[in-house]
């Protein structure tokens, strides 16, 4: 079994994991998951949102991080991932690893009642928001999460789950329980969402008398701005924004806030100072106001 040790470097953004055996006779640098077609391990590492670059050379793997956390918060878990992978695979470049090593870590969000649990595995291509167990029969992961009495709402998107808790407990009391459950569930390769499931806005989250879909040219421009400039930032906080409609006469934009954004105390500030301001700047003269219909 290959042993791995952690080495901190003079660059605080870069950490090295040094193996007790040679990993490669060449040197490789990966700047994105698209560069990592020859390495399942590197692909898994890029699913972690703080990983910016991966370097493999001789007997070490070096990682460069985005400035969203400190290495001390995740280095032990990364060590476990690398050791487990090398124990199961003869090479970091093996295309057919026996099993993906799942890791889950928690991130706080602007909403104090919502925690974002990020994993190195794609969970869903849909944005799935559920507020009760009765709606979760086709989303087995959410169904089992609702069996915890302190889980109030579940939002699943990409490689993370945002969970809203009840008010009677603090996160430090339940974080490890949820993290361990998610890690075990995903490692067991159980179904996350049924193939027939199609995400729809939750009942009561949209005023049906007001909501009317639009697909005119300005609506398409608004969607393009939301996709490129707004959604990545909102997803980083464990939420999502969904375009609903554009009112030509009043120039009002109606959206649906999901995940950590829904019910967040700072969502009004985000809506006006962030989303509305960005749309007004990039689409001058076309935006009057942005309203959340939930």
C-alpha atoms as a PDB file:
ATOM      1  CA  UNK A   1       0.000   0.000   0.000  1.00  0.00           C
ATOM      2  CA  UNK A   2       1.358   3.407  -0.982  1.00  0.00           C
ATOM      3  CA  UNK A   3       1.698   5.862   1.894  1.00  0.00           C
ATOM      4  CA  UNK A   4       1.101   9.555   1.280  1.00  0.00           C
ATOM      5  CA  UNK A   5       2.356  12.507   3.275  1.00  0.00           C
ATOM      6  CA  UNK A   6       1.273  16.139   3.129  1.00  0.00           C
ATOM      7  CA  UNK A   7       3.782  18.862   2.290  1.00  0.00           C
ATOM      8  CA  UNK A   8       2.942  22.544   2.500  1.00  0.00           C
ATOM      9  CA  UNK A   9       4.710  24.781   0.006  1.00  0.00           C
ATOM     10  CA  UNK A  10       5.914  28.387  -0.026  1.00  0.00           C
ATOM     11  CA  UNK A  11       2.811  29.202  -2.064  1.00  0.00           C
ATOM     12  CA  UNK A  12      -0.196  29.077   0.329  1.00  0.00           C
ATOM     13  CA  UNK A  13      -2.496  28.208  -2.581  1.00  0.00           C
ATOM     14  CA  UNK A  14      -0.578  24.999  -3.411  1.00  0.00           C
ATOM     15  CA  UNK A  15      -0.283  21.804  -1.388  1.00  0.00           C
ATOM     16  CA  UNK A  16       1.641  18.619  -2.245  1.00  0.00           C
ATOM     17  CA  UNK A  17       0.700  15.028  -1.511  1.00  0.00           C
ATOM     18  CA  UNK A  18       3.871  12.940  -1.710  1.00  0.00           C
ATOM     19  CA  UNK A  19       3.555   9.182  -2.294  1.00  0.00           C
ATOM     20  CA  UNK A  20       5.981   6.484  -1.187  1.00  0.00           C
ATOM     21  CA  UNK A  21       6.170   5.203  -4.778  1.00  0.00           C
ATOM     22  CA  UNK A  22       6.681   6.700  -8.217  1.00  0.00           C
ATOM     23  CA  UNK A  23       3.435   7.821  -9.845  1.00  0.00           C
ATOM     24  CA  UNK A  24       4.746   8.825 -13.272  1.00  0.00           C
ATOM     25  CA  UNK A  25       7.986   9.323 -15.180  1.00  0.00           C
ATOM     26  CA  UNK A  26       6.543  12.418 -16.852  1.00  0.00           C
ATOM     27  CA  UNK A  27       4.935  15.620 -15.617  1.00  0.00           C
ATOM     28  CA  UNK A  28       1.294  16.588 -16.162  1.00  0.00           C
ATOM     29  CA  UNK A  29      -0.605  19.807 -15.526  1.00  0.00           C
ATOM     30  CA  UNK A  30      -4.415  19.929 -15.584  1.00  0.00           C
ATOM     31  CA  UNK A  31      -6.310  23.225 -15.678  1.00  0.00           C
ATOM     32  CA  UNK A  32      -9.832  21.808 -15.878  1.00  0.00           C
ATOM     33  CA  UNK A  33     -11.774  18.561 -15.894  1.00  0.00           C
ATOM     34  CA  UNK A  34     -11.706  18.648 -19.701  1.00  0.00           C
ATOM     35  CA  UNK A  35      -7.926  18.170 -19.558  1.00  0.00           C
ATOM     36  CA  UNK A  36      -8.253  15.079 -17.365  1.00  0.00           C
ATOM     37  CA  UNK A  37      -9.558  12.486 -19.814  1.00  0.00           C
ATOM     38  CA  UNK A  38      -6.595  10.210 -19.027  1.00  0.00           C
ATOM     39  CA  UNK A  39      -7.168  10.207 -15.262  1.00  0.00           C
ATOM     40  CA  UNK A  40     -10.300   9.281 -13.349  1.00  0.00           C
ATOM     41  CA  UNK A  41      -8.657  10.494 -10.150  1.00  0.00           C
ATOM     42  CA  UNK A  42      -8.017  13.984 -11.520  1.00  0.00           C
ATOM     43  CA  UNK A  43     -11.599  14.142 -12.791  1.00  0.00           C
ATOM     44  CA  UNK A  44     -12.817  13.389  -9.275  1.00  0.00           C
ATOM     45  CA  UNK A  45     -10.576  16.092  -7.834  1.00  0.00           C
ATOM     46  CA  UNK A  46     -11.975  18.716 -10.203  1.00  0.00           C
ATOM     47  CA  UNK A  47     -15.484  17.962  -8.963  1.00  0.00           C
ATOM     48  CA  UNK A  48     -14.368  19.611  -5.719  1.00  0.00           C
ATOM     49  CA  UNK A  49     -15.171  23.308  -6.251  1.00  0.00           C
ATOM     50  CA  UNK A  50     -12.050  24.595  -4.503  1.00  0.00           C
ATOM     51  CA  UNK A  51      -9.637  22.749  -6.838  1.00  0.00           C
ATOM     52  CA  UNK A  52      -8.189  25.142  -9.430  1.00  0.00           C
ATOM     53  CA  UNK A  53      -5.295  23.126 -10.904  1.00  0.00           C
ATOM     54  CA  UNK A  54      -3.762  19.669 -10.523  1.00  0.00           C
ATOM     55  CA  UNK A  55      -0.079  18.805 -11.097  1.00  0.00           C
ATOM     56  CA  UNK A  56       1.284  15.255 -11.211  1.00  0.00           C
ATOM     57  CA  UNK A  57       5.026  14.627 -11.379  1.00  0.00           C
ATOM     58  CA  UNK A  58       7.390  11.899 -10.149  1.00  0.00           C
ATOM     59  CA  UNK A  59       6.021  10.777  -6.765  1.00  0.00           C
ATOM     60  CA  UNK A  60       3.690  13.639  -5.898  1.00  0.00           C
ATOM     61  CA  UNK A  61       0.337  15.226  -6.692  1.00  0.00           C
ATOM     62  CA  UNK A  62       0.106  18.989  -6.163  1.00  0.00           C
ATOM     63  CA  UNK A  63      -3.164  20.892  -5.977  1.00  0.00           C
ATOM     64  CA  UNK A  64      -3.765  24.605  -6.403  1.00  0.00           C
ATOM     65  CA  UNK A  65      -6.921  25.960  -4.789  1.00  0.00           C
ATOM     66  CA  UNK A  66      -9.294  28.835  -5.295  1.00  0.00           C
ATOM     67  CA  UNK A  67      -9.292  31.286  -2.403  1.00  0.00           C
ATOM     68  CA  UNK A  68     -12.561  30.096  -0.839  1.00  0.00           C
ATOM     69  CA  UNK A  69     -11.149  28.007   2.026  1.00  0.00           C
ATOM     70  CA  UNK A  70      -7.902  27.045   3.766  1.00  0.00           C
ATOM     71  CA  UNK A  71      -6.052  23.773   3.119  1.00  0.00           C
ATOM     72  CA  UNK A  72      -6.313  22.934   6.823  1.00  0.00           C
ATOM     73  CA  UNK A  73     -10.078  22.539   6.378  1.00  0.00           C
ATOM     74  CA  UNK A  74      -9.864  19.789   3.748  1.00  0.00           C
ATOM     75  CA  UNK A  75      -6.313  18.365   3.570  1.00  0.00           C
ATOM     76  CA  UNK A  76      -7.017  15.318   5.756  1.00  0.00           C
ATOM     77  CA  UNK A  77     -10.060  14.381   3.687  1.00  0.00           C
ATOM     78  CA  UNK A  78      -8.062  14.818   0.469  1.00  0.00           C
ATOM     79  CA  UNK A  79      -5.380  12.569   1.916  1.00  0.00           C
ATOM     80  CA  UNK A  80      -8.011   9.876   2.528  1.00  0.00           C
ATOM     81  CA  UNK A  81      -9.269  10.180  -1.073  1.00  0.00           C
ATOM     82  CA  UNK A  82      -5.787   9.812  -2.560  1.00  0.00           C
ATOM     83  CA  UNK A  83      -4.739   6.925  -0.297  1.00  0.00           C
ATOM     84  CA  UNK A  84      -7.961   5.027  -0.980  1.00  0.00           C
ATOM     85  CA  UNK A  85      -7.625   5.560  -4.722  1.00  0.00           C
ATOM     86  CA  UNK A  86      -4.022   4.358  -4.880  1.00  0.00           C
ATOM     87  CA  UNK A  87      -4.909   1.351  -2.740  1.00  0.00           C
ATOM     88  CA  UNK A  88      -7.549   0.307  -5.286  1.00  0.00           C
ATOM     89  CA  UNK A  89      -5.710   1.301  -8.473  1.00  0.00           C
ATOM     90  CA  UNK A  90      -2.200   0.679  -9.715  1.00  0.00           C
ATOM     91  CA  UNK A  91      -1.938   4.023 -11.477  1.00  0.00           C
ATOM     92  CA  UNK A  92      -3.330   7.547 -11.181  1.00  0.00           C
ATOM     93  CA  UNK A  93      -3.990   7.291 -14.913  1.00  0.00           C
ATOM     94  CA  UNK A  94      -6.148   4.142 -14.720  1.00  0.00           C
ATOM     95  CA  UNK A  95      -9.259   4.566 -16.854  1.00  0.00           C
ATOM     96  CA  UNK A  96     -11.215   1.839 -15.092  1.00  0.00           C
ATOM     97  CA  UNK A  97     -11.022   2.538 -11.376  1.00  0.00           C
ATOM     98  CA  UNK A  98     -12.863  -0.039  -9.293  1.00  0.00           C
ATOM     99  CA  UNK A  99     -14.846   2.513  -7.355  1.00  0.00           C
ATOM    100  CA  UNK A 100     -15.122   6.272  -7.123  1.00  0.00           C
ATOM    101  CA  UNK A 101     -14.003   7.543  -3.736  1.00  0.00           C
ATOM    102  CA  UNK A 102     -16.766   9.792  -2.467  1.00  0.00           C
ATOM    103  CA  UNK A 103     -16.068  12.816  -0.314  1.00  0.00           C
ATOM    104  CA  UNK A 104     -18.579  15.262   1.158  1.00  0.00           C
ATOM    105  CA  UNK A 105     -17.900  18.517   2.935  1.00  0.00           C
ATOM    106  CA  UNK A 106     -20.177  21.220   4.314  1.00  0.00           C
ATOM    107  CA  UNK A 107     -20.287  24.898   3.392  1.00  0.00           C
ATOM    108  CA  UNK A 108     -22.228  27.599   5.192  1.00  0.00           C
ATOM    109  CA  UNK A 109     -24.539  29.811   3.109  1.00  0.00           C
ATOM    110  CA  UNK A 110     -25.931  33.333   3.583  1.00  0.00           C
ATOM    111  CA  UNK A 111     -29.091  31.645   4.857  1.00  0.00           C
ATOM    112  CA  UNK A 112     -28.354  30.591   8.478  1.00  0.00           C
ATOM    113  CA  UNK A 113     -30.864  27.740   8.280  1.00  0.00           C
ATOM    114  CA  UNK A 114     -29.368  26.250   5.102  1.00  0.00           C
ATOM    115  CA  UNK A 115     -26.122  24.299   4.760  1.00  0.00           C
ATOM    116  CA  UNK A 116     -24.599  23.285   1.433  1.00  0.00           C
ATOM    117  CA  UNK A 117     -23.116  19.770   1.222  1.00  0.00           C
ATOM    118  CA  UNK A 118     -20.704  19.482  -1.711  1.00  0.00           C
ATOM    119  CA  UNK A 119     -19.455  16.202  -3.156  1.00  0.00           C
ATOM    120  CA  UNK A 120     -17.072  15.126  -5.917  1.00  0.00           C
ATOM    121  CA  UNK A 121     -19.874  13.275  -7.714  1.00  0.00           C
ATOM    122  CA  UNK A 122     -22.471  14.681 -10.114  1.00  0.00           C
ATOM    123  CA  UNK A 123     -25.864  14.292  -8.439  1.00  0.00           C
ATOM    124  CA  UNK A 124     -28.331  15.736 -10.930  1.00  0.00           C
ATOM    125  CA  UNK A 125     -28.535  17.819 -14.090  1.00  0.00           C
ATOM    126  CA  UNK A 126     -31.843  19.197 -12.836  1.00  0.00           C
ATOM    127  CA  UNK A 127     -32.543  21.735 -10.105  1.00  0.00           C
ATOM    128  CA  UNK A 128     -34.669  19.756  -7.660  1.00  0.00           C
ATOM    129  CA  UNK A 129     -36.391  21.600  -4.816  1.00  0.00           C
ATOM    130  CA  UNK A 130     -38.583  19.663  -2.370  1.00  0.00           C
ATOM    131  CA  UNK A 131     -40.336  20.879   0.778  1.00  0.00           C
ATOM    132  CA  UNK A 132     -41.995  17.671   2.017  1.00  0.00           C
ATOM    133  CA  UNK A 133     -41.452  13.929   1.926  1.00  0.00           C
ATOM    134  CA  UNK A 134     -44.695  13.311  -0.011  1.00  0.00           C
ATOM    135  CA  UNK A 135     -43.149  14.991  -3.066  1.00  0.00           C
ATOM    136  CA  UNK A 136     -39.903  13.033  -2.843  1.00  0.00           C
ATOM    137  CA  UNK A 137     -40.941   9.506  -3.889  1.00  0.00           C
ATOM    138  CA  UNK A 138     -39.091   9.846  -7.203  1.00  0.00           C
ATOM    139  CA  UNK A 139     -36.034  11.372  -5.525  1.00  0.00           C
ATOM    140  CA  UNK A 140     -34.801   8.606  -3.186  1.00  0.00           C
ATOM    141  CA  UNK A 141     -31.905  10.654  -1.773  1.00  0.00           C
ATOM    142  CA  UNK A 142     -34.259  13.462  -0.725  1.00  0.00           C
ATOM    143  CA  UNK A 143     -36.829  10.953   0.565  1.00  0.00           C
ATOM    144  CA  UNK A 144     -34.306   9.474   2.989  1.00  0.00           C
ATOM    145  CA  UNK A 145     -33.091  12.935   4.023  1.00  0.00           C
ATOM    146  CA  UNK A 146     -36.657  13.883   4.972  1.00  0.00           C
ATOM    147  CA  UNK A 147     -36.690  10.950   7.387  1.00  0.00           C
ATOM    148  CA  UNK A 148     -34.391  13.010   9.594  1.00  0.00           C
ATOM    149  CA  UNK A 149     -36.841  15.031  11.740  1.00  0.00           C
ATOM    150  CA  UNK A 150     -34.699  18.168  11.520  1.00  0.00           C
ATOM    151  CA  UNK A 151     -34.678  18.323   7.677  1.00  0.00           C
ATOM    152  CA  UNK A 152     -37.200  20.895   6.457  1.00  0.00           C
ATOM    153  CA  UNK A 153     -36.353  21.369   2.757  1.00  0.00           C
ATOM    154  CA  UNK A 154     -33.955  19.776   0.242  1.00  0.00           C
ATOM    155  CA  UNK A 155     -32.450  21.298  -2.894  1.00  0.00           C
ATOM    156  CA  UNK A 156     -30.302  19.148  -5.227  1.00  0.00           C
ATOM    157  CA  UNK A 157     -28.283  20.558  -8.114  1.00  0.00           C
ATOM    158  CA  UNK A 158     -25.073  19.615  -9.912  1.00  0.00           C
ATOM    159  CA  UNK A 159     -22.718  18.171  -7.269  1.00  0.00           C
ATOM    160  CA  UNK A 160     -24.298  19.526  -4.085  1.00  0.00           C
ATOM    161  CA  UNK A 161     -27.281  19.244  -1.760  1.00  0.00           C
ATOM    162  CA  UNK A 162     -28.576  22.296   0.106  1.00  0.00           C
ATOM    163  CA  UNK A 163     -30.486  21.327   3.236  1.00  0.00           C
ATOM    164  CA  UNK A 164     -32.738  23.603   5.277  1.00  0.00           C
ATOM    165  CA  UNK A 165     -33.053  22.591   8.912  1.00  0.00           C
ATOM    166  CA  UNK A 166     -35.717  23.230  11.531  1.00  0.00           C
ATOM    167  CA  UNK A 167     -35.094  25.923  14.136  1.00  0.00           C
ATOM    168  CA  UNK A 168     -34.796  23.621  17.155  1.00  0.00           C
ATOM    169  CA  UNK A 169     -31.201  22.479  16.421  1.00  0.00           C
ATOM    170  CA  UNK A 170     -27.909  24.136  15.514  1.00  0.00           C
ATOM    171  CA  UNK A 171     -25.748  23.007  12.597  1.00  0.00           C
ATOM    172  CA  UNK A 172     -22.897  21.827  14.806  1.00  0.00           C
ATOM    173  CA  UNK A 173     -25.300  19.277  16.311  1.00  0.00           C
ATOM    174  CA  UNK A 174     -26.296  17.661  12.995  1.00  0.00           C
ATOM    175  CA  UNK A 175     -23.562  18.474  10.447  1.00  0.00           C
ATOM    176  CA  UNK A 176     -21.579  15.281  10.934  1.00  0.00           C
ATOM    177  CA  UNK A 177     -24.724  13.150  10.874  1.00  0.00           C
ATOM    178  CA  UNK A 178     -25.794  14.562   7.508  1.00  0.00           C
ATOM    179  CA  UNK A 179     -22.303  14.455   6.057  1.00  0.00           C
ATOM    180  CA  UNK A 180     -21.807  10.806   7.058  1.00  0.00           C
ATOM    181  CA  UNK A 181     -25.233   9.855   5.711  1.00  0.00           C
ATOM    182  CA  UNK A 182     -24.586  11.522   2.338  1.00  0.00           C
ATOM    183  CA  UNK A 183     -21.147   9.975   2.018  1.00  0.00           C
ATOM    184  CA  UNK A 184     -22.459   6.473   2.778  1.00  0.00           C
ATOM    185  CA  UNK A 185     -25.485   6.906   0.495  1.00  0.00           C
ATOM    186  CA  UNK A 186     -23.437   8.077  -2.477  1.00  0.00           C
ATOM    187  CA  UNK A 187     -20.681   5.522  -1.900  1.00  0.00           C
ATOM    188  CA  UNK A 188     -23.269   2.740  -1.996  1.00  0.00           C
ATOM    189  CA  UNK A 189     -24.247   3.921  -5.501  1.00  0.00           C
ATOM    190  CA  UNK A 190     -27.951   4.001  -4.682  1.00  0.00           C
ATOM    191  CA  UNK A 191     -30.251   5.912  -7.037  1.00  0.00           C
ATOM    192  CA  UNK A 192     -30.372   9.673  -6.448  1.00  0.00           C
ATOM    193  CA  UNK A 193     -33.341  10.537  -8.670  1.00  0.00           C
ATOM    194  CA  UNK A 194     -35.563   8.360 -10.837  1.00  0.00           C
ATOM    195  CA  UNK A 195     -35.140   8.557 -14.609  1.00  0.00           C
ATOM    196  CA  UNK A 196     -38.750   9.647 -15.052  1.00  0.00           C
ATOM    197  CA  UNK A 197     -38.569  12.561 -12.595  1.00  0.00           C
ATOM    198  CA  UNK A 198     -38.955  16.067 -14.026  1.00  0.00           C
ATOM    199  CA  UNK A 199     -38.393  19.050 -11.786  1.00  0.00           C
ATOM    200  CA  UNK A 200     -41.234  21.570 -11.540  1.00  0.00           C
ATOM    201  CA  UNK A 201     -41.722  24.627  -9.277  1.00  0.00           C
ATOM    202  CA  UNK A 202     -43.144  23.665  -5.896  1.00  0.00           C
ATOM    203  CA  UNK A 203     -46.862  24.133  -5.361  1.00  0.00           C
ATOM    204  CA  UNK A 204     -47.477  27.501  -3.741  1.00  0.00           C
ATOM    205  CA  UNK A 205     -44.035  28.858  -4.648  1.00  0.00           C
ATOM    206  CA  UNK A 206     -45.375  30.774  -7.661  1.00  0.00           C
ATOM    207  CA  UNK A 207     -48.493  32.924  -7.779  1.00  0.00           C
ATOM    208  CA  UNK A 208     -50.283  31.339 -10.758  1.00  0.00           C
ATOM    209  CA  UNK A 209     -52.419  34.453 -11.299  1.00  0.00           C
ATOM    210  CA  UNK A 210     -49.268  36.527 -11.878  1.00  0.00           C
ATOM    211  CA  UNK A 211     -47.002  33.973 -13.522  1.00  0.00           C
ATOM    212  CA  UNK A 212     -47.034  33.811 -17.302  1.00  0.00           C
ATOM    213  CA  UNK A 213     -44.073  32.411 -19.223  1.00  0.00           C
ATOM    214  CA  UNK A 214     -42.471  34.600 -21.888  1.00  0.00           C
ATOM    215  CA  UNK A 215     -39.928  33.786 -24.574  1.00  0.00           C
ATOM    216  CA  UNK A 216     -39.568  37.082 -26.472  1.00  0.00           C
ATOM    217  CA  UNK A 217     -36.172  38.467 -27.481  1.00  0.00           C
ATOM    218  CA  UNK A 218     -35.646  40.455 -24.267  1.00  0.00           C
ATOM    219  CA  UNK A 219     -36.572  37.388 -22.206  1.00  0.00           C
ATOM    220  CA  UNK A 220     -33.865  35.441 -24.039  1.00  0.00           C
ATOM    221  CA  UNK A 221     -31.345  38.196 -23.307  1.00  0.00           C
ATOM    222  CA  UNK A 222     -32.297  38.135 -19.622  1.00  0.00           C
ATOM    223  CA  UNK A 223     -31.870  34.350 -19.476  1.00  0.00           C
ATOM    224  CA  UNK A 224     -28.433  34.658 -21.098  1.00  0.00           C
ATOM    225  CA  UNK A 225     -27.316  37.186 -18.462  1.00  0.00           C
ATOM    226  CA  UNK A 226     -28.677  35.052 -15.621  1.00  0.00           C
ATOM    227  CA  UNK A 227     -26.892  31.949 -16.937  1.00  0.00           C
ATOM    228  CA  UNK A 228     -23.518  33.636 -17.438  1.00  0.00           C
ATOM    229  CA  UNK A 229     -23.298  36.159 -14.604  1.00  0.00           C
ATOM    230  CA  UNK A 230     -25.837  35.348 -11.890  1.00  0.00           C
ATOM    231  CA  UNK A 231     -26.306  31.585 -11.617  1.00  0.00           C
ATOM    232  CA  UNK A 232     -22.631  30.702 -10.894  1.00  0.00           C
ATOM    233  CA  UNK A 233     -22.541  33.103  -7.946  1.00  0.00           C
ATOM    234  CA  UNK A 234     -25.935  31.967  -6.629  1.00  0.00           C
ATOM    235  CA  UNK A 235     -24.922  28.293  -6.966  1.00  0.00           C
ATOM    236  CA  UNK A 236     -21.805  29.053  -4.923  1.00  0.00           C
ATOM    237  CA  UNK A 237     -24.131  29.992  -2.063  1.00  0.00           C
ATOM    238  CA  UNK A 238     -26.171  26.796  -2.425  1.00  0.00           C
ATOM    239  CA  UNK A 239     -29.065  28.209  -4.388  1.00  0.00           C
ATOM    240  CA  UNK A 240     -30.488  28.772  -7.855  1.00  0.00           C
ATOM    241  CA  UNK A 241     -32.420  31.409  -9.739  1.00  0.00           C
ATOM    242  CA  UNK A 242     -34.992  30.457 -12.377  1.00  0.00           C
ATOM    243  CA  UNK A 243     -36.341  32.951 -14.913  1.00  0.00           C
ATOM    244  CA  UNK A 244     -40.130  33.020 -15.096  1.00  0.00           C
ATOM    245  CA  UNK A 245     -41.306  35.995 -17.136  1.00  0.00           C
ATOM    246  CA  UNK A 246     -40.715  39.520 -18.432  1.00  0.00           C
ATOM    247  CA  UNK A 247     -43.448  42.163 -18.419  1.00  0.00           C
ATOM    248  CA  UNK A 248     -42.934  44.392 -21.466  1.00  0.00           C
ATOM    249  CA  UNK A 249     -45.099  47.301 -20.264  1.00  0.00           C
ATOM    250  CA  UNK A 250     -43.548  47.614 -16.794  1.00  0.00           C
ATOM    251  CA  UNK A 251     -40.131  46.120 -17.720  1.00  0.00           C
ATOM    252  CA  UNK A 252     -40.401  43.886 -14.651  1.00  0.00           C
ATOM    253  CA  UNK A 253     -38.544  40.567 -14.471  1.00  0.00           C
ATOM    254  CA  UNK A 254     -40.109  37.723 -12.456  1.00  0.00           C
ATOM    255  CA  UNK A 255     -37.861  34.992 -11.089  1.00  0.00           C
ATOM    256  CA  UNK A 256     -38.013  32.019  -8.753  1.00  0.00           C
ATOM    257  CA  UNK A 257     -35.400  31.721  -5.996  1.00  0.00           C
ATOM    258  CA  UNK A 258     -34.493  28.164  -4.982  1.00  0.00           C
ATOM    259  CA  UNK A 259     -32.340  26.361  -2.450  1.00  0.00           C
ATOM    260  CA  UNK A 260     -30.504  28.529   0.069  1.00  0.00           C
ATOM    261  CA  UNK A 261     -31.783  31.687  -1.667  1.00  0.00           C
ATOM    262  CA  UNK A 262     -35.413  30.888  -0.843  1.00  0.00           C
ATOM    263  CA  UNK A 263     -36.203  32.432   2.514  1.00  0.00           C
ATOM    264  CA  UNK A 264     -32.691  33.788   3.042  1.00  0.00           C
ATOM    265  CA  UNK A 265     -32.682  36.993   5.172  1.00  0.00           C
ATOM    266  CA  UNK A 266     -30.313  38.647   2.691  1.00  0.00           C
ATOM    267  CA  UNK A 267     -32.199  37.526  -0.438  1.00  0.00           C
ATOM    268  CA  UNK A 268     -33.873  40.929  -0.875  1.00  0.00           C
ATOM    269  CA  UNK A 269     -30.484  42.651  -0.846  1.00  0.00           C
ATOM    270  CA  UNK A 270     -29.125  40.079  -3.304  1.00  0.00           C
ATOM    271  CA  UNK A 271     -32.160  40.511  -5.536  1.00  0.00           C
ATOM    272  CA  UNK A 272     -31.951  44.305  -5.702  1.00  0.00           C
ATOM    273  CA  UNK A 273     -28.247  45.085  -5.288  1.00  0.00           C
ATOM    274  CA  UNK A 274     -26.967  42.043  -7.156  1.00  0.00           C
ATOM    275  CA  UNK A 275     -29.360  40.573  -9.695  1.00  0.00           C
ATOM    276  CA  UNK A 276     -31.360  43.683 -10.539  1.00  0.00           C
ATOM    277  CA  UNK A 277     -28.277  45.914 -10.703  1.00  0.00           C
ATOM    278  CA  UNK A 278     -26.464  43.468 -13.001  1.00  0.00           C
ATOM    279  CA  UNK A 279     -29.419  43.180 -15.384  1.00  0.00           C
ATOM    280  CA  UNK A 280     -29.836  46.964 -15.518  1.00  0.00           C
ATOM    281  CA  UNK A 281     -26.138  47.397 -16.249  1.00  0.00           C
ATOM    282  CA  UNK A 282     -25.957  44.771 -19.002  1.00  0.00           C
ATOM    283  CA  UNK A 283     -29.402  45.453 -20.501  1.00  0.00           C
ATOM    284  CA  UNK A 284     -29.692  49.251 -20.180  1.00  0.00           C
ATOM    285  CA  UNK A 285     -33.155  50.689 -20.565  1.00  0.00           C
ATOM    286  CA  UNK A 286     -34.820  47.274 -20.633  1.00  0.00           C
ATOM    287  CA  UNK A 287     -35.117  46.448 -16.909  1.00  0.00           C
ATOM    288  CA  UNK A 288     -37.418  48.183 -14.453  1.00  0.00           C
ATOM    289  CA  UNK A 289     -37.358  45.851 -11.464  1.00  0.00           C
ATOM    290  CA  UNK A 290     -36.732  42.214 -10.540  1.00  0.00           C
ATOM    291  CA  UNK A 291     -39.344  40.412  -8.427  1.00  0.00           C
ATOM    292  CA  UNK A 292     -39.109  37.026  -6.721  1.00  0.00           C
ATOM    293  CA  UNK A 293     -42.453  35.258  -6.982  1.00  0.00           C
ATOM    294  CA  UNK A 294     -41.825  33.088  -3.908  1.00  0.00           C
END
